[in-house]
N, C-alpha and C. Protein backbone atom coordinates (compact mmCIF):
# COMPACT_ATOMS: atom_id res chain seq x y z
N GLY A 1 0.82 -1.21 0.00
CA GLY A 1 0.00 0.00 0.00
C GLY A 1 0.85 1.26 0.00
N MET A 2 0.25 2.33 0.49
CA MET A 2 0.87 3.65 0.49
C MET A 2 2.20 3.65 1.25
N ALA A 3 2.23 3.04 2.41
CA ALA A 3 3.43 3.04 3.25
C ALA A 3 4.62 2.41 2.53
N GLN A 4 4.34 1.33 1.80
CA GLN A 4 5.41 0.66 1.07
C GLN A 4 6.00 1.54 -0.03
N ARG A 5 5.09 2.26 -0.74
CA ARG A 5 5.55 3.12 -1.81
C ARG A 5 6.41 4.24 -1.23
N MET A 6 5.98 4.76 -0.10
CA MET A 6 6.72 5.81 0.57
C MET A 6 8.09 5.29 0.97
N ASP A 7 8.17 4.08 1.49
CA ASP A 7 9.44 3.49 1.86
C ASP A 7 10.37 3.37 0.65
N ALA A 8 9.82 2.99 -0.48
CA ALA A 8 10.62 2.86 -1.69
C ALA A 8 11.16 4.22 -2.12
N GLU A 9 10.34 5.26 -2.00
CA GLU A 9 10.77 6.61 -2.35
C GLU A 9 11.87 7.08 -1.41
N VAL A 10 11.68 6.83 -0.12
CA VAL A 10 12.66 7.23 0.88
C VAL A 10 13.97 6.48 0.65
N MET A 11 13.85 5.20 0.33
CA MET A 11 15.03 4.39 0.06
C MET A 11 15.78 4.91 -1.16
N ALA A 12 15.04 5.24 -2.22
CA ALA A 12 15.66 5.76 -3.44
C ALA A 12 16.37 7.08 -3.16
N LEU A 13 15.74 7.91 -2.35
CA LEU A 13 16.32 9.20 -1.98
C LEU A 13 17.60 8.98 -1.18
N ALA A 14 17.55 8.05 -0.24
CA ALA A 14 18.73 7.74 0.58
C ALA A 14 19.87 7.22 -0.30
N GLU A 15 19.52 6.39 -1.28
CA GLU A 15 20.54 5.85 -2.17
C GLU A 15 21.19 6.94 -3.02
N SER A 16 20.38 7.86 -3.54
CA SER A 16 20.96 8.91 -4.38
C SER A 16 21.81 9.87 -3.54
N GLN A 17 21.37 10.12 -2.33
CA GLN A 17 22.11 10.98 -1.41
C GLN A 17 23.45 10.33 -1.04
N SER A 18 23.40 9.04 -0.80
CA SER A 18 24.59 8.28 -0.46
C SER A 18 25.59 8.26 -1.61
N ALA A 19 25.09 8.08 -2.83
CA ALA A 19 25.96 8.07 -4.01
C ALA A 19 26.61 9.43 -4.19
N LEU A 20 25.81 10.48 -4.00
CA LEU A 20 26.32 11.85 -4.14
C LEU A 20 27.41 12.12 -3.13
N CYS A 21 27.14 11.80 -1.89
CA CYS A 21 28.14 12.06 -0.85
C CYS A 21 29.34 11.14 -0.98
N GLY A 22 29.13 9.96 -1.58
CA GLY A 22 30.23 9.04 -1.83
C GLY A 22 31.26 9.62 -2.79
N ILE A 23 30.79 10.47 -3.69
CA ILE A 23 31.69 11.13 -4.62
C ILE A 23 32.72 11.95 -3.84
N PHE A 24 32.28 12.50 -2.72
CA PHE A 24 33.16 13.35 -1.92
C PHE A 24 33.98 12.57 -0.90
N ALA A 25 33.98 11.24 -1.03
CA ALA A 25 34.88 10.43 -0.21
C ALA A 25 36.32 10.67 -0.66
N ASN A 26 36.46 11.21 -1.87
CA ASN A 26 37.79 11.52 -2.37
C ASN A 26 38.11 12.99 -2.10
N PRO A 27 39.17 13.27 -1.32
CA PRO A 27 39.47 14.65 -0.94
C PRO A 27 39.77 15.58 -2.11
N LYS A 28 40.31 15.03 -3.20
CA LYS A 28 40.58 15.87 -4.36
C LYS A 28 39.28 16.45 -4.92
N ARG A 29 38.21 15.66 -4.85
CA ARG A 29 36.92 16.13 -5.37
C ARG A 29 36.31 17.19 -4.47
N VAL A 30 36.57 17.08 -3.18
CA VAL A 30 36.13 18.15 -2.26
C VAL A 30 36.91 19.43 -2.59
N LEU A 31 38.21 19.29 -2.83
CA LEU A 31 39.03 20.45 -3.18
C LEU A 31 38.56 21.09 -4.49
N ILE A 32 38.15 20.26 -5.44
CA ILE A 32 37.62 20.79 -6.70
C ILE A 32 36.39 21.65 -6.42
N LEU A 33 35.49 21.11 -5.60
CA LEU A 33 34.27 21.85 -5.27
C LEU A 33 34.63 23.19 -4.62
N TRP A 34 35.53 23.15 -3.66
CA TRP A 34 35.93 24.38 -2.97
C TRP A 34 36.59 25.37 -3.92
N SER A 35 37.41 24.85 -4.84
CA SER A 35 38.12 25.75 -5.76
C SER A 35 37.15 26.46 -6.70
N LEU A 36 35.96 25.87 -6.88
CA LEU A 36 34.97 26.47 -7.79
C LEU A 36 33.89 27.24 -7.04
N ALA A 37 34.03 27.35 -5.73
CA ALA A 37 32.98 27.98 -4.92
C ALA A 37 32.75 29.45 -5.31
N GLU A 38 33.81 30.16 -5.64
CA GLU A 38 33.69 31.59 -5.94
C GLU A 38 33.43 31.86 -7.41
N GLN A 39 34.08 31.08 -8.27
CA GLN A 39 33.97 31.35 -9.70
C GLN A 39 34.34 30.13 -10.52
N GLU A 40 33.97 30.14 -11.79
CA GLU A 40 34.34 29.03 -12.66
C GLU A 40 35.84 29.08 -12.94
N LYS A 41 36.40 27.93 -13.29
CA LYS A 41 37.83 27.85 -13.60
C LYS A 41 38.06 26.90 -14.76
N ALA A 42 39.16 27.15 -15.46
CA ALA A 42 39.58 26.25 -16.54
C ALA A 42 40.19 24.99 -15.92
N VAL A 43 40.14 23.90 -16.67
CA VAL A 43 40.64 22.62 -16.18
C VAL A 43 42.09 22.72 -15.69
N THR A 44 42.94 23.42 -16.43
CA THR A 44 44.35 23.55 -16.03
C THR A 44 44.48 24.27 -14.68
N ALA A 45 43.69 25.30 -14.48
CA ALA A 45 43.72 26.04 -13.22
C ALA A 45 43.24 25.16 -12.06
N ILE A 46 42.21 24.35 -12.32
CA ILE A 46 41.71 23.44 -11.28
C ILE A 46 42.79 22.43 -10.91
N ALA A 47 43.46 21.88 -11.92
CA ALA A 47 44.53 20.90 -11.68
C ALA A 47 45.63 21.49 -10.80
N GLN A 48 46.00 22.73 -11.08
CA GLN A 48 47.02 23.40 -10.27
C GLN A 48 46.55 23.60 -8.83
N THR A 49 45.30 24.04 -8.68
CA THR A 49 44.75 24.30 -7.34
C THR A 49 44.75 23.05 -6.48
N ILE A 50 44.36 21.91 -7.08
CA ILE A 50 44.24 20.69 -6.27
C ILE A 50 45.51 19.85 -6.31
N ASP A 51 46.55 20.35 -7.01
CA ASP A 51 47.83 19.67 -7.10
C ASP A 51 47.69 18.24 -7.63
N ALA A 52 47.08 18.15 -8.80
CA ALA A 52 46.89 16.84 -9.44
C ALA A 52 47.23 16.98 -10.92
N SER A 53 47.48 15.85 -11.57
CA SER A 53 47.76 15.87 -13.01
C SER A 53 46.50 16.27 -13.77
N LEU A 54 46.70 16.70 -15.00
CA LEU A 54 45.59 17.10 -15.85
C LEU A 54 44.65 15.92 -16.10
N GLN A 55 45.26 14.75 -16.34
CA GLN A 55 44.47 13.55 -16.63
C GLN A 55 43.62 13.16 -15.42
N ASN A 56 44.23 13.16 -14.26
CA ASN A 56 43.54 12.81 -13.02
C ASN A 56 42.42 13.80 -12.73
N THR A 57 42.72 15.08 -12.90
CA THR A 57 41.73 16.13 -12.67
C THR A 57 40.55 15.97 -13.62
N SER A 58 40.84 15.70 -14.89
CA SER A 58 39.77 15.50 -15.88
C SER A 58 38.85 14.35 -15.51
N GLN A 59 39.43 13.28 -14.97
CA GLN A 59 38.61 12.13 -14.54
C GLN A 59 37.67 12.54 -13.41
N HIS A 60 38.20 13.26 -12.43
CA HIS A 60 37.37 13.74 -11.32
C HIS A 60 36.25 14.64 -11.85
N LEU A 61 36.62 15.55 -12.74
CA LEU A 61 35.65 16.51 -13.28
C LEU A 61 34.53 15.84 -14.05
N SER A 62 34.87 14.84 -14.87
CA SER A 62 33.81 14.20 -15.65
C SER A 62 32.89 13.38 -14.76
N LEU A 63 33.45 12.78 -13.72
CA LEU A 63 32.62 12.05 -12.76
C LEU A 63 31.65 13.01 -12.05
N MET A 64 32.17 14.16 -11.63
CA MET A 64 31.34 15.14 -10.92
C MET A 64 30.30 15.78 -11.83
N LYS A 65 30.67 15.93 -13.10
CA LYS A 65 29.72 16.45 -14.07
C LYS A 65 28.60 15.45 -14.31
N GLY A 66 28.98 14.18 -14.43
CA GLY A 66 27.99 13.12 -14.62
C GLY A 66 27.00 13.02 -13.47
N ALA A 67 27.47 13.37 -12.27
CA ALA A 67 26.63 13.31 -11.08
C ALA A 67 25.78 14.57 -10.91
N GLY A 68 25.94 15.53 -11.83
CA GLY A 68 25.15 16.75 -11.76
C GLY A 68 25.66 17.77 -10.75
N ILE A 69 26.90 17.59 -10.30
CA ILE A 69 27.49 18.51 -9.33
C ILE A 69 28.09 19.71 -10.06
N LEU A 70 28.72 19.42 -11.19
CA LEU A 70 29.37 20.47 -11.98
C LEU A 70 28.75 20.57 -13.36
N GLU A 71 28.94 21.74 -13.99
CA GLU A 71 28.58 21.94 -15.38
C GLU A 71 29.82 22.53 -16.05
N SER A 72 29.91 22.36 -17.37
CA SER A 72 31.07 22.90 -18.08
C SER A 72 30.62 23.68 -19.31
N ARG A 73 31.52 24.53 -19.77
CA ARG A 73 31.30 25.22 -21.04
C ARG A 73 32.64 25.33 -21.74
N ARG A 74 32.58 25.33 -23.06
CA ARG A 74 33.80 25.41 -23.86
C ARG A 74 33.92 26.82 -24.43
N ASP A 75 35.14 27.35 -24.36
CA ASP A 75 35.42 28.64 -24.98
C ASP A 75 36.69 28.45 -25.80
N GLY A 76 36.54 28.24 -27.10
CA GLY A 76 37.68 27.90 -27.95
C GLY A 76 38.22 26.54 -27.54
N GLN A 77 39.50 26.50 -27.19
CA GLN A 77 40.13 25.24 -26.78
C GLN A 77 39.96 24.97 -25.29
N THR A 78 39.50 25.97 -24.57
CA THR A 78 39.45 25.87 -23.10
C THR A 78 38.09 25.43 -22.58
N ILE A 79 38.11 24.49 -21.64
CA ILE A 79 36.86 24.06 -21.01
C ILE A 79 36.84 24.59 -19.58
N TYR A 80 35.77 25.28 -19.24
CA TYR A 80 35.59 25.85 -17.91
C TYR A 80 34.53 25.06 -17.15
N TYR A 81 34.77 24.87 -15.87
CA TYR A 81 33.81 24.18 -15.01
C TYR A 81 33.28 25.12 -13.96
N HIS A 82 32.01 24.92 -13.60
CA HIS A 82 31.41 25.67 -12.49
C HIS A 82 30.44 24.75 -11.76
N ILE A 83 30.09 25.14 -10.55
CA ILE A 83 29.16 24.33 -9.75
C ILE A 83 27.74 24.50 -10.30
N ALA A 84 27.06 23.39 -10.49
CA ALA A 84 25.69 23.41 -11.01
C ALA A 84 24.75 24.12 -10.03
N ASP A 85 23.84 24.89 -10.57
CA ASP A 85 22.87 25.61 -9.73
C ASP A 85 22.12 24.68 -8.79
N ASP A 86 21.69 23.53 -9.32
CA ASP A 86 20.94 22.58 -8.51
C ASP A 86 21.75 22.12 -7.30
N PHE A 87 23.05 21.96 -7.52
CA PHE A 87 23.90 21.53 -6.41
C PHE A 87 24.07 22.63 -5.39
N GLN A 88 24.20 23.86 -5.86
CA GLN A 88 24.33 25.02 -4.98
C GLN A 88 23.16 25.08 -4.00
N ARG A 89 21.98 24.71 -4.51
CA ARG A 89 20.77 24.79 -3.68
C ARG A 89 20.53 23.51 -2.88
N GLY A 90 21.30 22.47 -3.20
CA GLY A 90 21.00 21.16 -2.64
C GLY A 90 21.53 20.88 -1.26
N ARG A 91 21.45 19.61 -0.88
CA ARG A 91 21.73 19.23 0.50
C ARG A 91 23.19 19.13 0.86
N CYS A 92 24.03 18.94 -0.10
CA CYS A 92 25.45 18.87 0.23
C CYS A 92 26.02 20.27 0.39
N ARG A 93 25.13 21.26 0.54
CA ARG A 93 25.52 22.64 0.82
C ARG A 93 26.56 22.69 1.93
N LEU A 94 26.44 21.78 2.89
CA LEU A 94 27.39 21.82 4.01
C LEU A 94 28.82 21.77 3.53
N LEU A 95 29.04 21.04 2.44
CA LEU A 95 30.40 20.95 1.91
C LEU A 95 30.91 22.32 1.50
N LEU A 96 30.00 23.18 1.06
CA LEU A 96 30.40 24.54 0.68
C LEU A 96 30.42 25.46 1.89
N ASP A 97 29.54 25.21 2.85
CA ASP A 97 29.47 26.08 4.02
C ASP A 97 30.76 26.07 4.83
N VAL A 98 31.45 24.94 4.82
CA VAL A 98 32.72 24.82 5.54
C VAL A 98 33.68 25.92 5.09
N LEU A 99 33.57 26.29 3.83
CA LEU A 99 34.47 27.28 3.25
C LEU A 99 34.47 28.60 3.96
N GLN A 100 33.35 28.96 4.54
CA GLN A 100 33.28 30.25 5.21
C GLN A 100 34.28 30.29 6.37
N GLU A 101 34.59 29.13 6.91
CA GLU A 101 35.56 29.07 7.99
C GLU A 101 36.98 28.86 7.49
N SER A 102 37.14 28.11 6.41
CA SER A 102 38.49 27.83 5.92
C SER A 102 38.58 27.99 4.41
N PRO A 103 38.67 29.23 3.93
CA PRO A 103 38.72 29.43 2.48
C PRO A 103 40.00 28.88 1.86
N ILE A 104 39.89 28.37 0.63
CA ILE A 104 41.11 27.87 -0.03
C ILE A 104 41.51 28.85 -1.12
């Protein structure tokens, strides 16, 4: 009945929340988020900020983009990433709120 459907919805929500927060089990991905908190950045600039190779950074970025955390735009040869609006408004806001105490 109704209760079971509600449980399934709650379970699905818990699973998506868990998957989202699982992305941030990797500290480099948290650093990426923080580095983009103020403004968008080019992939090379992000790689420098998080002290990772371009290839490694690109892997993190595409995973985060696939999860709807980041969005990108191309300007000539350069690809810029920024935090997705939906994520800015979402529940992992706490990850960004920490920044007010410890800006990077």
